[in-house]
């Protein structure tokens, strides 16, 4: 397996793990800040609508941009969003975070798939796509379990700090793509 594939996979897994730590506790957090079932529904609706529109826009733009940088921006926005949870005290602030996460997701969706498709080995195409898809589901399950334990024993503030640190780690891992690319181009 190519090193670029491994970097893409590891950064994606770290981001997914961090993002899903809040998992089923999002509703509890919304209630803690005075939100209701409507707040949860509105924030999710806003996130999905904005994400759908932005995936198309950023996907098109990414054809003319450096996809590595676009994905680094996506991971950075996830880190910013995780940090933003620490400062949310009103339901309307969740809507702002919804847009931050929507932009982050859009920066990761098409550009990340395009980068993956470039580095997937034709001889291991099925396995490598399966590792990405199946691995993400395993990460999801583990992150919800970890989030459960963190919220139970340390609270939301600790959860958000851990999410932020992990998202920054995903940015740093993804930066390795640019470093490896630069090293390769300097050797030529």
N, C-alpha and C. Protein backbone atom coordinates (compact mmCIF):
# COMPACT_ATOMS: atom_id res chain seq x y z
N UNK A 1 0.84 -1.19 0.00
CA UNK A 1 0.00 0.00 0.00
C UNK A 1 0.88 1.24 0.00
N UNK A 2 0.46 2.20 -0.79
CA UNK A 2 1.19 3.47 -0.87
C UNK A 2 1.12 4.23 0.44
N UNK A 3 2.18 4.97 0.72
CA UNK A 3 2.21 5.81 1.92
C UNK A 3 1.12 6.88 1.86
N UNK A 4 0.84 7.39 0.66
CA UNK A 4 -0.21 8.41 0.52
C UNK A 4 -1.58 7.84 0.90
N UNK A 5 -1.83 6.59 0.54
CA UNK A 5 -3.09 5.95 0.92
C UNK A 5 -3.17 5.85 2.43
N UNK A 6 -2.10 5.41 3.05
CA UNK A 6 -2.08 5.26 4.52
C UNK A 6 -2.30 6.60 5.21
N UNK A 7 -1.67 7.64 4.70
CA UNK A 7 -1.85 8.97 5.29
C UNK A 7 -3.30 9.42 5.18
N UNK A 8 -3.88 9.27 4.00
CA UNK A 8 -5.29 9.64 3.80
C UNK A 8 -6.20 8.86 4.73
N UNK A 9 -5.95 7.58 4.86
CA UNK A 9 -6.78 6.72 5.69
C UNK A 9 -6.64 7.09 7.17
N UNK A 10 -5.43 7.29 7.63
CA UNK A 10 -5.21 7.60 9.04
C UNK A 10 -5.83 8.95 9.40
N UNK A 11 -5.61 9.97 8.57
CA UNK A 11 -6.20 11.29 8.84
C UNK A 11 -7.73 11.20 8.87
N UNK A 12 -8.28 10.46 7.94
CA UNK A 12 -9.73 10.29 7.87
C UNK A 12 -10.26 9.58 9.11
N UNK A 13 -9.57 8.54 9.54
CA UNK A 13 -10.00 7.81 10.74
C UNK A 13 -9.91 8.67 11.99
N UNK A 14 -8.85 9.44 12.12
CA UNK A 14 -8.70 10.31 13.29
C UNK A 14 -9.83 11.33 13.32
N UNK A 15 -10.09 11.95 12.18
CA UNK A 15 -11.16 12.94 12.09
C UNK A 15 -12.52 12.32 12.41
N UNK A 16 -12.78 11.17 11.84
CA UNK A 16 -14.06 10.48 12.07
C UNK A 16 -14.22 10.11 13.55
N UNK A 17 -13.14 9.60 14.15
CA UNK A 17 -13.19 9.25 15.56
C UNK A 17 -13.53 10.48 16.40
N UNK A 18 -12.81 11.57 16.16
CA UNK A 18 -13.03 12.80 16.93
C UNK A 18 -14.43 13.34 16.72
N UNK A 19 -14.87 13.38 15.48
CA UNK A 19 -16.18 13.94 15.15
C UNK A 19 -17.32 13.15 15.79
N UNK A 20 -17.15 11.85 15.86
CA UNK A 20 -18.23 11.00 16.36
C UNK A 20 -18.20 10.78 17.87
N UNK A 21 -17.23 11.35 18.55
CA UNK A 21 -17.21 11.23 20.01
C UNK A 21 -18.47 11.79 20.64
N UNK A 22 -18.99 12.86 20.07
CA UNK A 22 -20.20 13.47 20.63
C UNK A 22 -21.45 12.64 20.31
N UNK A 23 -21.40 11.92 19.20
CA UNK A 23 -22.45 10.98 18.80
C UNK A 23 -23.82 11.22 19.38
N UNK A 24 -24.31 10.26 20.15
CA UNK A 24 -25.68 10.36 20.67
C UNK A 24 -25.82 11.39 21.79
N UNK A 25 -24.74 12.01 22.20
CA UNK A 25 -24.80 12.96 23.31
C UNK A 25 -25.05 14.38 22.84
N UNK A 26 -25.13 14.55 21.54
CA UNK A 26 -25.41 15.87 20.98
C UNK A 26 -26.72 16.40 21.55
N UNK A 27 -27.74 15.56 21.60
CA UNK A 27 -29.05 15.98 22.11
C UNK A 27 -28.95 16.39 23.58
N UNK A 28 -28.17 15.68 24.35
CA UNK A 28 -27.98 16.03 25.77
C UNK A 28 -27.30 17.39 25.88
N UNK A 29 -26.28 17.60 25.05
CA UNK A 29 -25.58 18.88 25.06
C UNK A 29 -26.52 20.02 24.68
N UNK A 30 -27.34 19.81 23.66
CA UNK A 30 -28.28 20.84 23.22
C UNK A 30 -29.22 21.19 24.37
N UNK A 31 -29.69 20.22 25.09
CA UNK A 31 -30.57 20.49 26.24
C UNK A 31 -29.84 21.25 27.33
N UNK A 32 -28.56 20.93 27.54
CA UNK A 32 -27.77 21.62 28.57
C UNK A 32 -27.65 23.12 28.31
N UNK A 33 -27.68 23.51 27.04
CA UNK A 33 -27.54 24.93 26.71
C UNK A 33 -28.90 25.59 26.46
N UNK A 34 -29.96 24.91 26.83
CA UNK A 34 -31.29 25.50 26.73
C UNK A 34 -32.01 25.22 25.43
N UNK A 35 -31.50 24.31 24.65
CA UNK A 35 -32.15 23.96 23.39
C UNK A 35 -33.26 22.95 23.59
N UNK A 36 -33.98 22.72 22.51
CA UNK A 36 -35.10 21.78 22.55
C UNK A 36 -34.97 20.80 21.38
N UNK A 37 -35.98 19.99 21.23
CA UNK A 37 -36.03 19.06 20.11
C UNK A 37 -36.01 19.84 18.79
N UNK A 38 -36.62 21.02 18.77
CA UNK A 38 -36.60 21.84 17.57
C UNK A 38 -35.18 22.34 17.26
N UNK A 39 -34.42 22.70 18.28
CA UNK A 39 -33.04 23.14 18.08
C UNK A 39 -32.23 22.03 17.43
N UNK A 40 -32.41 20.81 17.92
CA UNK A 40 -31.69 19.67 17.36
C UNK A 40 -32.08 19.48 15.90
N UNK A 41 -33.37 19.49 15.63
CA UNK A 41 -33.86 19.31 14.26
C UNK A 41 -33.40 20.41 13.33
N UNK A 42 -33.47 21.66 13.79
CA UNK A 42 -33.05 22.78 12.95
C UNK A 42 -31.55 22.73 12.68
N UNK A 43 -30.75 22.41 13.70
CA UNK A 43 -29.29 22.40 13.48
C UNK A 43 -28.91 21.26 12.54
N UNK A 44 -29.56 20.12 12.67
CA UNK A 44 -29.26 19.00 11.78
C UNK A 44 -29.70 19.32 10.35
N UNK A 45 -30.89 19.92 10.22
CA UNK A 45 -31.39 20.30 8.90
C UNK A 45 -30.45 21.30 8.24
N UNK A 46 -30.04 22.31 8.99
CA UNK A 46 -29.11 23.31 8.46
C UNK A 46 -27.80 22.66 8.03
N UNK A 47 -27.27 21.78 8.87
CA UNK A 47 -26.02 21.09 8.54
C UNK A 47 -26.16 20.31 7.24
N UNK A 48 -27.21 19.53 7.10
CA UNK A 48 -27.37 18.69 5.91
C UNK A 48 -27.61 19.52 4.65
N UNK A 49 -28.46 20.54 4.73
CA UNK A 49 -28.72 21.37 3.55
C UNK A 49 -27.46 22.12 3.13
N UNK A 50 -26.79 22.74 4.10
CA UNK A 50 -25.56 23.47 3.78
C UNK A 50 -24.50 22.52 3.25
N UNK A 51 -24.38 21.36 3.86
CA UNK A 51 -23.38 20.38 3.41
C UNK A 51 -23.65 19.95 1.97
N UNK A 52 -24.88 19.63 1.67
CA UNK A 52 -25.22 19.19 0.31
C UNK A 52 -24.88 20.24 -0.73
N UNK A 53 -25.27 21.47 -0.47
CA UNK A 53 -24.99 22.56 -1.42
C UNK A 53 -23.49 22.79 -1.53
N UNK A 54 -22.82 22.84 -0.39
CA UNK A 54 -21.38 23.15 -0.38
C UNK A 54 -20.53 22.02 -0.97
N UNK A 55 -20.95 20.78 -0.83
CA UNK A 55 -20.21 19.68 -1.46
C UNK A 55 -20.14 19.89 -2.97
N UNK A 56 -21.26 20.30 -3.55
CA UNK A 56 -21.29 20.54 -4.99
C UNK A 56 -20.39 21.72 -5.36
N UNK A 57 -20.50 22.81 -4.62
CA UNK A 57 -19.70 24.00 -4.91
C UNK A 57 -18.21 23.73 -4.71
N UNK A 58 -17.85 23.20 -3.57
CA UNK A 58 -16.43 22.97 -3.27
C UNK A 58 -15.87 21.84 -4.13
N UNK A 59 -16.69 20.85 -4.43
CA UNK A 59 -16.25 19.78 -5.34
C UNK A 59 -15.85 20.35 -6.69
N UNK A 60 -16.67 21.25 -7.19
CA UNK A 60 -16.36 21.89 -8.48
C UNK A 60 -15.11 22.75 -8.37
N UNK A 61 -15.02 23.55 -7.32
CA UNK A 61 -13.85 24.40 -7.11
C UNK A 61 -12.57 23.59 -6.93
N UNK A 62 -12.71 22.43 -6.31
CA UNK A 62 -11.51 21.62 -6.02
C UNK A 62 -10.86 21.09 -7.30
N UNK A 63 -11.59 21.13 -8.41
CA UNK A 63 -10.98 20.72 -9.68
C UNK A 63 -9.90 21.71 -10.13
N UNK A 64 -9.95 22.91 -9.60
CA UNK A 64 -8.95 23.91 -9.96
C UNK A 64 -8.01 24.25 -8.80
N UNK A 65 -8.23 23.62 -7.66
CA UNK A 65 -7.42 23.90 -6.47
C UNK A 65 -6.59 22.68 -6.09
N UNK A 66 -5.63 22.89 -5.23
CA UNK A 66 -4.83 21.80 -4.68
C UNK A 66 -5.70 21.02 -3.69
N UNK A 67 -6.04 19.80 -4.03
CA UNK A 67 -6.95 19.00 -3.19
C UNK A 67 -6.37 18.72 -1.81
N UNK A 68 -5.05 18.59 -1.72
CA UNK A 68 -4.44 18.37 -0.41
C UNK A 68 -4.73 19.56 0.52
N UNK A 69 -4.58 20.78 -0.01
CA UNK A 69 -4.86 21.97 0.78
C UNK A 69 -6.33 22.08 1.14
N UNK A 70 -7.20 21.71 0.21
CA UNK A 70 -8.64 21.78 0.47
C UNK A 70 -8.99 20.84 1.63
N UNK A 71 -8.41 19.63 1.62
CA UNK A 71 -8.71 18.69 2.72
C UNK A 71 -8.10 19.17 4.04
N UNK A 72 -6.95 19.79 3.98
CA UNK A 72 -6.36 20.34 5.21
C UNK A 72 -7.28 21.43 5.77
N UNK A 73 -7.85 22.24 4.89
CA UNK A 73 -8.83 23.24 5.34
C UNK A 73 -10.04 22.56 5.99
N UNK A 74 -10.49 21.47 5.40
CA UNK A 74 -11.62 20.73 5.96
C UNK A 74 -11.34 20.21 7.35
N UNK A 75 -10.19 19.58 7.52
CA UNK A 75 -9.82 19.08 8.85
C UNK A 75 -9.65 20.23 9.84
N UNK A 76 -9.11 21.35 9.37
CA UNK A 76 -8.93 22.52 10.24
C UNK A 76 -10.28 23.08 10.69
N UNK A 77 -11.25 23.10 9.79
CA UNK A 77 -12.58 23.56 10.16
C UNK A 77 -13.23 22.63 11.19
N UNK A 78 -12.99 21.33 11.06
CA UNK A 78 -13.49 20.39 12.07
C UNK A 78 -12.86 20.69 13.43
N UNK A 79 -11.55 20.99 13.44
CA UNK A 79 -10.88 21.34 14.69
C UNK A 79 -11.48 22.62 15.27
N UNK A 80 -11.69 23.61 14.42
CA UNK A 80 -12.30 24.87 14.86
C UNK A 80 -13.70 24.62 15.42
N UNK A 81 -14.46 23.79 14.75
CA UNK A 81 -15.81 23.46 15.22
C UNK A 81 -15.79 22.76 16.57
N UNK A 82 -14.87 21.81 16.74
CA UNK A 82 -14.77 21.11 18.02
C UNK A 82 -14.42 22.09 19.12
N UNK A 83 -13.49 22.99 18.86
CA UNK A 83 -13.12 24.01 19.83
C UNK A 83 -14.31 24.94 20.09
N UNK A 84 -15.06 25.22 19.05
CA UNK A 84 -16.23 26.10 19.17
C UNK A 84 -17.26 25.59 20.16
N UNK A 85 -17.40 24.28 20.29
CA UNK A 85 -18.35 23.73 21.25
C UNK A 85 -18.09 24.25 22.67
N UNK A 86 -16.83 24.52 22.99
CA UNK A 86 -16.49 25.01 24.33
C UNK A 86 -17.11 26.37 24.62
N UNK A 87 -17.43 27.12 23.58
CA UNK A 87 -17.94 28.48 23.74
C UNK A 87 -19.43 28.60 23.46
N UNK A 88 -20.08 27.50 23.14
CA UNK A 88 -21.51 27.53 22.85
C UNK A 88 -22.28 27.59 24.16
N UNK A 89 -23.10 28.62 24.27
CA UNK A 89 -23.95 28.74 25.47
C UNK A 89 -25.41 29.01 25.10
N UNK A 90 -25.66 29.19 23.82
CA UNK A 90 -27.00 29.47 23.34
C UNK A 90 -27.27 28.62 22.10
N UNK A 91 -28.52 28.22 21.91
CA UNK A 91 -28.85 27.39 20.75
C UNK A 91 -28.45 28.01 19.41
N UNK A 92 -28.59 29.32 19.23
CA UNK A 92 -28.27 29.93 17.93
C UNK A 92 -26.80 29.71 17.57
N UNK A 93 -25.95 29.59 18.59
CA UNK A 93 -24.52 29.39 18.33
C UNK A 93 -24.26 28.02 17.69
N UNK A 94 -25.14 27.07 17.98
CA UNK A 94 -25.03 25.76 17.33
C UNK A 94 -25.23 25.87 15.82
N UNK A 95 -26.07 26.82 15.41
CA UNK A 95 -26.31 27.00 13.99
C UNK A 95 -25.05 27.50 13.29
N UNK A 96 -24.29 28.35 13.96
CA UNK A 96 -23.02 28.81 13.41
C UNK A 96 -22.08 27.61 13.26
N UNK A 97 -22.00 26.78 14.30
CA UNK A 97 -21.15 25.59 14.23
C UNK A 97 -21.64 24.64 13.14
N UNK A 98 -22.94 24.58 12.93
CA UNK A 98 -23.48 23.73 11.86
C UNK A 98 -22.89 24.12 10.51
N UNK A 99 -22.77 25.42 10.27
CA UNK A 99 -22.22 25.90 9.01
C UNK A 99 -20.71 25.61 8.94
N UNK A 100 -20.01 25.79 10.06
CA UNK A 100 -18.57 25.48 10.09
C UNK A 100 -18.35 24.01 9.74
N UNK A 101 -19.12 23.12 10.37
CA UNK A 101 -18.98 21.69 10.07
C UNK A 101 -19.40 21.36 8.64
N UNK A 102 -20.41 22.07 8.13
CA UNK A 102 -20.85 21.84 6.74
C UNK A 102 -19.73 22.20 5.76
N UNK A 103 -19.07 23.33 5.99
CA UNK A 103 -17.96 23.72 5.11
C UNK A 103 -16.83 22.71 5.23
N UNK A 104 -16.52 22.29 6.47
CA UNK A 104 -15.48 21.29 6.68
C UNK A 104 -15.78 19.98 5.97
N UNK A 105 -17.01 19.54 6.08
CA UNK A 105 -17.41 18.30 5.42
C UNK A 105 -17.30 18.43 3.91
N UNK A 106 -17.72 19.57 3.38
CA UNK A 106 -17.64 19.79 1.93
C UNK A 106 -16.19 19.80 1.46
N UNK A 107 -15.30 20.34 2.27
CA UNK A 107 -13.87 20.35 1.91
C UNK A 107 -13.26 18.95 1.95
N UNK A 108 -13.89 18.06 2.66
CA UNK A 108 -13.36 16.70 2.77
C UNK A 108 -14.04 15.71 1.82
N UNK A 109 -15.26 15.97 1.45
CA UNK A 109 -16.02 14.98 0.69
C UNK A 109 -15.40 14.64 -0.67
N UNK A 110 -15.67 15.43 -1.66
CA UNK A 110 -15.18 15.13 -3.01
C UNK A 110 -13.65 15.18 -3.12
N UNK A 111 -12.98 16.21 -2.55
CA UNK A 111 -11.52 16.24 -2.67
C UNK A 111 -10.84 15.01 -2.05
N UNK A 112 -11.34 14.56 -0.92
CA UNK A 112 -10.74 13.38 -0.28
C UNK A 112 -10.96 12.13 -1.12
N UNK A 113 -12.15 11.99 -1.67
CA UNK A 113 -12.42 10.84 -2.54
C UNK A 113 -11.56 10.89 -3.79
N UNK A 114 -11.36 12.09 -4.33
CA UNK A 114 -10.51 12.22 -5.51
C UNK A 114 -9.07 11.83 -5.19
N UNK A 115 -8.58 12.28 -4.04
CA UNK A 115 -7.22 11.91 -3.63
C UNK A 115 -7.10 10.40 -3.41
N UNK A 116 -8.11 9.83 -2.77
CA UNK A 116 -8.09 8.37 -2.53
C UNK A 116 -8.09 7.61 -3.85
N UNK A 117 -8.89 8.05 -4.79
CA UNK A 117 -8.98 7.33 -6.06
C UNK A 117 -7.65 7.36 -6.82
N UNK A 118 -6.84 8.39 -6.57
CA UNK A 118 -5.52 8.47 -7.21
C UNK A 118 -4.53 7.46 -6.64
N UNK A 119 -4.69 7.11 -5.38
CA UNK A 119 -3.66 6.30 -4.72
C UNK A 119 -4.09 4.86 -4.45
N UNK A 120 -5.35 4.55 -4.74
CA UNK A 120 -5.83 3.17 -4.55
C UNK A 120 -5.12 2.27 -5.56
N UNK A 121 -4.56 1.20 -5.08
CA UNK A 121 -3.88 0.24 -5.94
C UNK A 121 -4.91 -0.56 -6.73
N UNK A 122 -4.71 -0.66 -8.03
CA UNK A 122 -5.65 -1.43 -8.87
C UNK A 122 -5.68 -2.90 -8.47
N UNK A 123 -4.57 -3.41 -7.96
CA UNK A 123 -4.51 -4.81 -7.55
C UNK A 123 -5.21 -5.06 -6.22
N UNK A 124 -5.40 -4.01 -5.43
CA UNK A 124 -6.06 -4.15 -4.12
C UNK A 124 -7.23 -3.18 -3.98
N UNK A 125 -7.84 -2.85 -5.08
CA UNK A 125 -8.91 -1.86 -5.11
C UNK A 125 -10.04 -2.19 -4.14
N UNK A 126 -10.52 -3.42 -4.18
CA UNK A 126 -11.61 -3.83 -3.30
C UNK A 126 -11.22 -3.76 -1.84
N UNK A 127 -10.05 -4.30 -1.53
CA UNK A 127 -9.57 -4.29 -0.14
C UNK A 127 -9.38 -2.87 0.37
N UNK A 128 -8.76 -2.02 -0.42
CA UNK A 128 -8.46 -0.68 0.06
C UNK A 128 -9.72 0.18 0.24
N UNK A 129 -10.69 0.05 -0.65
CA UNK A 129 -11.96 0.75 -0.43
C UNK A 129 -12.69 0.15 0.76
N UNK A 130 -12.58 -1.16 0.94
CA UNK A 130 -13.22 -1.82 2.08
C UNK A 130 -12.59 -1.37 3.40
N UNK A 131 -11.27 -1.23 3.41
CA UNK A 131 -10.61 -0.74 4.62
C UNK A 131 -11.10 0.67 4.97
N UNK A 132 -11.26 1.51 3.96
CA UNK A 132 -11.74 2.87 4.20
C UNK A 132 -13.19 2.85 4.71
N UNK A 133 -14.05 2.10 4.05
CA UNK A 133 -15.47 2.06 4.45
C UNK A 133 -15.71 1.29 5.73
N UNK A 134 -15.18 0.07 5.79
CA UNK A 134 -15.37 -0.76 6.99
C UNK A 134 -14.64 -0.19 8.19
N UNK A 135 -13.44 0.31 7.94
CA UNK A 135 -12.68 0.91 9.03
C UNK A 135 -13.40 2.09 9.64
N UNK A 136 -14.05 2.88 8.80
CA UNK A 136 -14.79 4.04 9.31
C UNK A 136 -15.94 3.60 10.23
N UNK A 137 -16.60 2.51 9.90
CA UNK A 137 -17.70 2.02 10.76
C UNK A 137 -17.15 1.51 12.10
N UNK A 138 -16.01 0.85 12.06
CA UNK A 138 -15.37 0.39 13.31
C UNK A 138 -14.99 1.60 14.15
N UNK A 139 -14.40 2.60 13.52
CA UNK A 139 -14.02 3.83 14.21
C UNK A 139 -15.25 4.49 14.83
N UNK A 140 -16.35 4.51 14.10
CA UNK A 140 -17.60 5.10 14.61
C UNK A 140 -18.03 4.41 15.90
N UNK A 141 -18.05 3.08 15.88
CA UNK A 141 -18.44 2.34 17.08
C UNK A 141 -17.52 2.60 18.26
N UNK A 142 -16.23 2.61 18.00
CA UNK A 142 -15.26 2.85 19.08
C UNK A 142 -15.37 4.28 19.61
N UNK A 143 -15.62 5.23 18.73
CA UNK A 143 -15.70 6.62 19.18
C UNK A 143 -16.94 6.87 20.03
N UNK A 144 -18.05 6.26 19.68
CA UNK A 144 -19.25 6.41 20.50
C UNK A 144 -19.02 5.81 21.89
N UNK A 145 -18.36 4.66 21.95
CA UNK A 145 -18.03 4.07 23.25
C UNK A 145 -17.09 4.99 24.04
N UNK A 146 -16.05 5.49 23.38
CA UNK A 146 -15.12 6.40 24.07
C UNK A 146 -15.83 7.67 24.51
N UNK A 147 -16.68 8.22 23.65
CA UNK A 147 -17.44 9.42 24.00
C UNK A 147 -18.34 9.18 25.21
N UNK A 148 -18.95 8.01 25.26
CA UNK A 148 -19.80 7.65 26.39
C UNK A 148 -19.00 7.72 27.69
N UNK A 149 -17.84 7.11 27.68
CA UNK A 149 -17.02 7.08 28.89
C UNK A 149 -16.49 8.47 29.26
N UNK A 150 -16.10 9.23 28.26
CA UNK A 150 -15.58 10.58 28.52
C UNK A 150 -16.67 11.47 29.12
N UNK A 151 -17.86 11.47 28.50
CA UNK A 151 -18.95 12.32 29.00
C UNK A 151 -19.37 11.87 30.40
N UNK A 152 -19.46 10.56 30.60
CA UNK A 152 -19.88 10.03 31.90
C UNK A 152 -18.92 10.42 33.01
N UNK A 153 -17.61 10.29 32.77
CA UNK A 153 -16.63 10.46 33.84
C UNK A 153 -15.92 11.81 33.84
N UNK A 154 -15.99 12.55 32.74
CA UNK A 154 -15.25 13.82 32.70
C UNK A 154 -16.07 15.00 32.20
N UNK A 155 -17.18 14.74 31.53
CA UNK A 155 -18.04 15.83 31.08
C UNK A 155 -17.76 16.30 29.65
N UNK A 156 -18.60 17.23 29.24
CA UNK A 156 -18.55 17.72 27.87
C UNK A 156 -17.30 18.55 27.58
N UNK A 157 -16.86 19.35 28.53
CA UNK A 157 -15.68 20.19 28.29
C UNK A 157 -14.48 19.33 27.92
N UNK A 158 -14.25 18.27 28.66
CA UNK A 158 -13.15 17.34 28.36
C UNK A 158 -13.35 16.71 26.99
N UNK A 159 -14.58 16.32 26.69
CA UNK A 159 -14.89 15.73 25.39
C UNK A 159 -14.51 16.68 24.26
N UNK A 160 -14.89 17.95 24.37
CA UNK A 160 -14.62 18.91 23.31
C UNK A 160 -13.12 19.18 23.17
N UNK A 161 -12.41 19.19 24.26
CA UNK A 161 -10.96 19.39 24.20
C UNK A 161 -10.30 18.21 23.50
N UNK A 162 -10.73 17.01 23.83
CA UNK A 162 -10.19 15.81 23.17
C UNK A 162 -10.53 15.83 21.68
N UNK A 163 -11.75 16.20 21.35
CA UNK A 163 -12.15 16.30 19.95
C UNK A 163 -11.24 17.28 19.21
N UNK A 164 -11.00 18.43 19.81
CA UNK A 164 -10.15 19.45 19.20
C UNK A 164 -8.73 18.92 18.98
N UNK A 165 -8.15 18.31 20.01
CA UNK A 165 -6.78 17.80 19.90
C UNK A 165 -6.68 16.75 18.79
N UNK A 166 -7.65 15.87 18.73
CA UNK A 166 -7.64 14.84 17.68
C UNK A 166 -7.80 15.45 16.29
N UNK A 167 -8.64 16.47 16.18
CA UNK A 167 -8.81 17.10 14.87
C UNK A 167 -7.53 17.81 14.43
N UNK A 168 -6.83 18.42 15.38
CA UNK A 168 -5.54 19.04 15.05
C UNK A 168 -4.57 17.94 14.60
N UNK A 169 -4.60 16.80 15.25
CA UNK A 169 -3.76 15.68 14.85
C UNK A 169 -4.09 15.24 13.42
N UNK A 170 -5.37 15.22 13.06
CA UNK A 170 -5.77 14.87 11.69
C UNK A 170 -5.19 15.87 10.69
N UNK A 171 -5.19 17.15 11.05
CA UNK A 171 -4.59 18.18 10.19
C UNK A 171 -3.10 17.88 9.99
N UNK A 172 -2.42 17.57 11.09
CA UNK A 172 -0.97 17.32 11.02
C UNK A 172 -0.66 16.08 10.18
N UNK A 173 -1.48 15.05 10.31
CA UNK A 173 -1.28 13.84 9.51
C UNK A 173 -1.51 14.17 8.04
N UNK A 174 -2.57 14.90 7.74
CA UNK A 174 -2.88 15.25 6.35
C UNK A 174 -1.79 16.14 5.74
N UNK A 175 -1.16 16.97 6.56
CA UNK A 175 -0.05 17.80 6.07
C UNK A 175 1.10 16.95 5.52
N UNK A 176 1.18 15.71 5.98
CA UNK A 176 2.24 14.81 5.48
C UNK A 176 2.11 14.58 3.98
N UNK A 177 0.90 14.68 3.44
CA UNK A 177 0.72 14.54 1.99
C UNK A 177 1.51 15.62 1.25
N UNK A 178 1.40 16.84 1.74
CA UNK A 178 2.13 17.94 1.09
C UNK A 178 3.63 17.79 1.28
N UNK A 179 4.03 17.36 2.45
CA UNK A 179 5.46 17.17 2.73
C UNK A 179 6.03 16.09 1.82
N UNK A 180 5.32 14.96 1.72
CA UNK A 180 5.76 13.86 0.85
C UNK A 180 5.79 14.29 -0.62
N UNK A 181 4.81 15.08 -1.02
CA UNK A 181 4.73 15.56 -2.40
C UNK A 181 5.93 16.47 -2.70
N UNK A 182 6.25 17.34 -1.75
CA UNK A 182 7.37 18.27 -1.93
C UNK A 182 8.69 17.51 -1.96
N UNK A 183 8.85 16.51 -1.10
CA UNK A 183 10.08 15.69 -1.10
C UNK A 183 10.23 14.98 -2.43
N UNK A 184 9.14 14.40 -2.94
CA UNK A 184 9.18 13.71 -4.24
C UNK A 184 9.56 14.67 -5.36
N UNK A 185 8.98 15.86 -5.36
CA UNK A 185 9.27 16.81 -6.44
C UNK A 185 10.71 17.34 -6.34
N UNK A 186 11.26 17.44 -5.14
CA UNK A 186 12.66 17.88 -4.97
C UNK A 186 13.65 16.82 -5.40
N UNK A 187 13.26 15.55 -5.33
CA UNK A 187 14.15 14.46 -5.73
C UNK A 187 14.26 14.35 -7.25
N UNK A 188 13.28 14.89 -7.96
CA UNK A 188 13.27 14.76 -9.43
C UNK A 188 14.22 15.71 -10.09
